[in-house]
């Protein structure tokens, strides 16, 4: 397997962490949960939950997607997490917020 996984974690404080890994996302989740790196962004935000994972055949594509998604507002990340792909273009427009509810 030469590709990469893109994954999103929901942290205890409600924030999202976006990362990539060559490992199975569940194995990477376990590493975050164990708190192996005290300097890691998720360390003080544990426990974390895996809420999204997608495999990319190309490492370059996975890293590009990670960088793109890290720049998204919360509403757009949440649309991706729930699989609401139709909402993504609308949420891409500057200043557009998801309807409450």
N, C-alpha and C. Protein backbone atom coordinates (compact mmCIF):
# COMPACT_ATOMS: atom_id res chain seq x y z
N UNK A 1 0.85 -1.18 0.00
CA UNK A 1 0.00 0.00 0.00
C UNK A 1 0.90 1.24 0.00
N UNK A 2 0.87 1.99 -1.08
CA UNK A 2 1.75 3.15 -1.18
C UNK A 2 1.02 4.47 -0.95
N UNK A 3 -0.26 4.43 -0.73
CA UNK A 3 -1.03 5.65 -0.53
C UNK A 3 -1.00 6.11 0.92
N UNK A 4 -1.92 6.98 1.23
CA UNK A 4 -2.05 7.54 2.57
C UNK A 4 -3.51 7.68 2.94
N UNK A 5 -3.75 7.62 4.23
CA UNK A 5 -5.05 7.92 4.79
C UNK A 5 -5.09 9.37 5.24
N UNK A 6 -6.18 10.04 4.95
CA UNK A 6 -6.50 11.34 5.54
C UNK A 6 -7.49 11.02 6.64
N UNK A 7 -7.32 11.61 7.82
CA UNK A 7 -8.26 11.34 8.90
C UNK A 7 -8.58 12.61 9.67
N UNK A 8 -9.77 12.61 10.27
CA UNK A 8 -10.20 13.73 11.10
C UNK A 8 -10.58 13.18 12.46
N UNK A 9 -10.06 13.81 13.51
CA UNK A 9 -10.39 13.46 14.87
C UNK A 9 -11.22 14.57 15.49
N UNK A 10 -12.23 14.20 16.27
CA UNK A 10 -12.95 15.18 17.09
C UNK A 10 -12.34 15.11 18.48
N UNK A 11 -11.89 16.24 18.97
CA UNK A 11 -11.22 16.30 20.27
C UNK A 11 -12.22 16.57 21.39
N UNK A 12 -11.78 16.31 22.61
CA UNK A 12 -12.62 16.50 23.79
C UNK A 12 -13.21 17.91 23.85
N UNK A 13 -12.44 18.90 23.41
CA UNK A 13 -12.92 20.29 23.47
C UNK A 13 -13.81 20.67 22.28
N UNK A 14 -14.12 19.69 21.41
CA UNK A 14 -14.99 19.95 20.27
C UNK A 14 -14.24 20.39 19.01
N UNK A 15 -12.95 20.62 19.11
CA UNK A 15 -12.16 21.01 17.95
C UNK A 15 -11.89 19.77 17.08
N UNK A 16 -11.41 20.02 15.86
CA UNK A 16 -11.09 18.94 14.94
C UNK A 16 -9.60 18.96 14.63
N UNK A 17 -9.03 17.77 14.53
CA UNK A 17 -7.65 17.61 14.11
C UNK A 17 -7.65 16.87 12.79
N UNK A 18 -6.94 17.38 11.79
CA UNK A 18 -6.86 16.75 10.47
C UNK A 18 -5.42 16.31 10.27
N UNK A 19 -5.25 15.04 9.87
CA UNK A 19 -3.90 14.53 9.65
C UNK A 19 -3.88 13.48 8.55
N UNK A 20 -2.69 13.02 8.22
CA UNK A 20 -2.52 11.93 7.27
C UNK A 20 -1.62 10.88 7.90
N UNK A 21 -1.79 9.65 7.45
CA UNK A 21 -0.99 8.56 7.96
C UNK A 21 -0.90 7.43 6.95
N UNK A 22 0.21 6.71 6.98
CA UNK A 22 0.36 5.51 6.16
C UNK A 22 -0.23 4.31 6.89
N UNK A 23 -0.47 4.47 8.20
CA UNK A 23 -1.02 3.40 9.03
C UNK A 23 -2.54 3.34 8.87
N UNK A 24 -3.11 2.28 9.38
CA UNK A 24 -4.56 2.19 9.50
C UNK A 24 -5.03 3.33 10.41
N UNK A 25 -6.10 4.03 10.06
CA UNK A 25 -6.55 5.17 10.89
C UNK A 25 -6.84 4.78 12.35
N UNK A 26 -7.33 3.56 12.58
CA UNK A 26 -7.60 3.13 13.96
C UNK A 26 -6.30 3.00 14.75
N UNK A 27 -5.22 2.55 14.10
CA UNK A 27 -3.92 2.46 14.76
C UNK A 27 -3.40 3.85 15.09
N UNK A 28 -3.59 4.78 14.18
CA UNK A 28 -3.15 6.16 14.42
C UNK A 28 -3.98 6.79 15.53
N UNK A 29 -5.28 6.49 15.57
CA UNK A 29 -6.14 6.97 16.65
C UNK A 29 -5.60 6.49 17.99
N UNK A 30 -5.22 5.23 18.06
CA UNK A 30 -4.69 4.66 19.30
C UNK A 30 -3.45 5.42 19.76
N UNK A 31 -2.59 5.79 18.83
CA UNK A 31 -1.39 6.56 19.18
C UNK A 31 -1.76 7.93 19.76
N UNK A 32 -2.75 8.58 19.14
CA UNK A 32 -3.21 9.87 19.69
C UNK A 32 -3.77 9.66 21.10
N UNK A 33 -4.57 8.62 21.30
CA UNK A 33 -5.19 8.36 22.60
C UNK A 33 -4.14 8.10 23.68
N UNK A 34 -3.05 7.41 23.31
CA UNK A 34 -2.01 7.09 24.28
C UNK A 34 -1.21 8.31 24.70
N UNK A 35 -1.25 9.37 23.90
CA UNK A 35 -0.53 10.59 24.24
C UNK A 35 0.98 10.40 24.22
N UNK A 36 1.47 9.78 23.17
CA UNK A 36 2.90 9.46 23.06
C UNK A 36 3.79 10.69 22.94
N UNK A 37 3.21 11.80 22.50
CA UNK A 37 4.00 13.02 22.27
C UNK A 37 3.33 14.18 23.02
N UNK A 38 3.94 14.59 24.11
CA UNK A 38 3.37 15.67 24.93
C UNK A 38 3.28 17.00 24.19
N UNK A 39 4.05 17.16 23.11
CA UNK A 39 4.01 18.39 22.33
C UNK A 39 2.95 18.34 21.23
N UNK A 40 2.31 17.21 21.05
CA UNK A 40 1.31 17.05 19.99
C UNK A 40 0.08 17.90 20.27
N UNK A 41 -0.53 18.39 19.21
CA UNK A 41 -1.71 19.27 19.33
C UNK A 41 -2.84 18.57 20.06
N UNK A 42 -2.99 17.27 19.87
CA UNK A 42 -4.10 16.53 20.49
C UNK A 42 -3.82 16.13 21.93
N UNK A 43 -2.60 16.26 22.40
CA UNK A 43 -2.22 15.74 23.72
C UNK A 43 -3.16 16.23 24.83
N UNK A 44 -3.38 17.52 24.90
CA UNK A 44 -4.23 18.10 25.95
C UNK A 44 -5.72 18.10 25.58
N UNK A 45 -6.04 17.56 24.43
CA UNK A 45 -7.43 17.55 23.96
C UNK A 45 -8.01 16.14 23.96
N UNK A 46 -7.32 15.21 24.60
CA UNK A 46 -7.81 13.83 24.67
C UNK A 46 -8.93 13.71 25.68
N UNK A 47 -9.82 12.76 25.49
CA UNK A 47 -9.81 11.75 24.44
C UNK A 47 -10.25 12.33 23.09
N UNK A 48 -9.85 11.64 22.05
CA UNK A 48 -10.23 12.01 20.69
C UNK A 48 -11.00 10.86 20.07
N UNK A 49 -11.80 11.18 19.04
CA UNK A 49 -12.58 10.16 18.35
C UNK A 49 -12.36 10.31 16.85
N UNK A 50 -12.18 9.19 16.18
CA UNK A 50 -12.05 9.20 14.73
C UNK A 50 -13.43 9.42 14.13
N UNK A 51 -13.59 10.51 13.36
CA UNK A 51 -14.89 10.83 12.79
C UNK A 51 -14.92 10.77 11.26
N UNK A 52 -13.74 10.68 10.64
CA UNK A 52 -13.69 10.61 9.17
C UNK A 52 -12.35 10.03 8.76
N UNK A 53 -12.38 9.19 7.73
CA UNK A 53 -11.14 8.67 7.15
C UNK A 53 -11.38 8.41 5.66
N UNK A 54 -10.40 8.74 4.85
CA UNK A 54 -10.48 8.51 3.41
C UNK A 54 -9.09 8.12 2.91
N UNK A 55 -9.03 7.10 2.06
CA UNK A 55 -7.76 6.64 1.52
C UNK A 55 -7.48 7.30 0.18
N UNK A 56 -6.24 7.72 0.00
CA UNK A 56 -5.78 8.31 -1.25
C UNK A 56 -4.67 7.43 -1.80
N UNK A 57 -4.75 7.08 -3.07
CA UNK A 57 -3.70 6.28 -3.70
C UNK A 57 -2.38 7.03 -3.77
N UNK A 58 -2.46 8.34 -3.82
CA UNK A 58 -1.28 9.19 -3.94
C UNK A 58 -1.02 9.94 -2.63
N UNK A 59 0.21 9.83 -2.15
CA UNK A 59 0.61 10.57 -0.96
C UNK A 59 0.45 12.07 -1.19
N UNK A 60 0.80 12.52 -2.37
CA UNK A 60 0.69 13.94 -2.71
C UNK A 60 -0.76 14.41 -2.62
N UNK A 61 -1.69 13.60 -3.12
CA UNK A 61 -3.11 13.96 -3.05
C UNK A 61 -3.60 14.01 -1.60
N UNK A 62 -3.16 13.05 -0.78
CA UNK A 62 -3.58 13.03 0.62
C UNK A 62 -3.09 14.27 1.36
N UNK A 63 -1.85 14.63 1.14
CA UNK A 63 -1.29 15.81 1.82
C UNK A 63 -1.97 17.08 1.32
N UNK A 64 -2.26 17.15 0.03
CA UNK A 64 -2.96 18.33 -0.51
C UNK A 64 -4.36 18.43 0.11
N UNK A 65 -5.06 17.31 0.24
CA UNK A 65 -6.39 17.32 0.85
C UNK A 65 -6.30 17.73 2.31
N UNK A 66 -5.30 17.24 3.03
CA UNK A 66 -5.11 17.62 4.44
C UNK A 66 -4.94 19.13 4.57
N UNK A 67 -4.08 19.69 3.76
CA UNK A 67 -3.84 21.15 3.83
C UNK A 67 -5.10 21.94 3.50
N UNK A 68 -5.83 21.46 2.49
CA UNK A 68 -7.07 22.15 2.08
C UNK A 68 -8.09 22.09 3.22
N UNK A 69 -8.31 20.91 3.78
CA UNK A 69 -9.34 20.75 4.81
C UNK A 69 -8.96 21.49 6.09
N UNK A 70 -7.68 21.55 6.42
CA UNK A 70 -7.26 22.32 7.60
C UNK A 70 -7.68 23.78 7.49
N UNK A 71 -7.80 24.29 6.28
CA UNK A 71 -8.20 25.68 6.09
C UNK A 71 -9.70 25.91 6.08
N UNK A 72 -10.47 24.84 6.13
CA UNK A 72 -11.93 24.97 6.10
C UNK A 72 -12.48 25.43 7.44
N UNK A 73 -13.61 26.13 7.36
CA UNK A 73 -14.36 26.48 8.57
C UNK A 73 -14.99 25.22 9.15
N UNK A 74 -15.37 25.30 10.38
CA UNK A 74 -15.98 24.19 11.12
C UNK A 74 -17.19 23.60 10.39
N UNK A 75 -18.07 24.47 9.87
CA UNK A 75 -19.29 24.01 9.22
C UNK A 75 -18.98 23.12 8.02
N UNK A 76 -17.96 23.47 7.28
CA UNK A 76 -17.61 22.71 6.10
C UNK A 76 -16.97 21.37 6.49
N UNK A 77 -16.13 21.37 7.52
CA UNK A 77 -15.57 20.11 8.02
C UNK A 77 -16.68 19.18 8.48
N UNK A 78 -17.67 19.74 9.17
CA UNK A 78 -18.77 18.91 9.67
C UNK A 78 -19.62 18.35 8.53
N UNK A 79 -19.78 19.09 7.45
CA UNK A 79 -20.50 18.58 6.28
C UNK A 79 -19.75 17.39 5.68
N UNK A 80 -18.45 17.51 5.59
CA UNK A 80 -17.63 16.40 5.09
C UNK A 80 -17.76 15.18 6.00
N UNK A 81 -17.67 15.40 7.30
CA UNK A 81 -17.75 14.31 8.27
C UNK A 81 -19.08 13.57 8.16
N UNK A 82 -20.17 14.30 7.98
CA UNK A 82 -21.48 13.63 7.90
C UNK A 82 -21.79 13.14 6.48
N UNK A 83 -20.88 13.37 5.53
CA UNK A 83 -21.06 12.89 4.17
C UNK A 83 -22.00 13.73 3.34
N UNK A 84 -22.22 14.98 3.74
CA UNK A 84 -23.11 15.89 3.02
C UNK A 84 -22.30 16.63 1.95
N UNK A 85 -21.91 15.89 0.92
CA UNK A 85 -21.04 16.44 -0.12
C UNK A 85 -21.73 17.53 -0.94
N UNK A 86 -23.04 17.50 -1.02
CA UNK A 86 -23.77 18.53 -1.77
C UNK A 86 -23.66 19.90 -1.10
N UNK A 87 -23.46 19.92 0.22
CA UNK A 87 -23.36 21.19 0.95
C UNK A 87 -21.99 21.84 0.79
N UNK A 88 -20.98 21.08 0.40
CA UNK A 88 -19.62 21.62 0.35
C UNK A 88 -19.46 22.82 -0.57
N UNK A 89 -20.00 22.79 -1.80
CA UNK A 89 -19.83 23.98 -2.66
C UNK A 89 -20.44 25.24 -2.05
N UNK A 90 -21.61 25.12 -1.46
CA UNK A 90 -22.25 26.28 -0.85
C UNK A 90 -21.42 26.79 0.34
N UNK A 91 -20.90 25.87 1.12
CA UNK A 91 -20.10 26.26 2.28
C UNK A 91 -18.73 26.80 1.89
N UNK A 92 -18.36 26.64 0.61
CA UNK A 92 -17.10 27.17 0.12
C UNK A 92 -17.17 28.66 -0.16
N UNK A 93 -18.37 29.16 -0.31
CA UNK A 93 -18.53 30.58 -0.60
C UNK A 93 -18.20 31.40 0.63
N UNK A 94 -17.45 32.42 0.44
CA UNK A 94 -17.01 33.28 1.53
C UNK A 94 -18.20 33.85 2.30
N UNK A 95 -18.13 33.72 3.60
CA UNK A 95 -19.15 34.31 4.47
C UNK A 95 -20.40 33.49 4.63
N UNK A 96 -20.51 32.36 3.96
CA UNK A 96 -21.72 31.53 4.06
C UNK A 96 -21.59 30.65 5.29
N UNK A 97 -22.63 30.63 6.10
CA UNK A 97 -22.67 29.79 7.29
C UNK A 97 -23.80 28.78 7.14
N UNK A 98 -23.62 27.62 7.71
CA UNK A 98 -24.66 26.60 7.67
C UNK A 98 -25.87 27.08 8.48
N UNK A 99 -27.03 26.67 8.04
CA UNK A 99 -28.26 27.01 8.77
C UNK A 99 -28.26 26.27 10.11
N UNK A 100 -28.74 26.92 11.17
CA UNK A 100 -28.77 26.25 12.46
C UNK A 100 -29.73 25.07 12.41
N UNK A 101 -29.42 24.10 13.25
CA UNK A 101 -30.39 23.05 13.36
C UNK A 101 -29.87 21.73 13.16
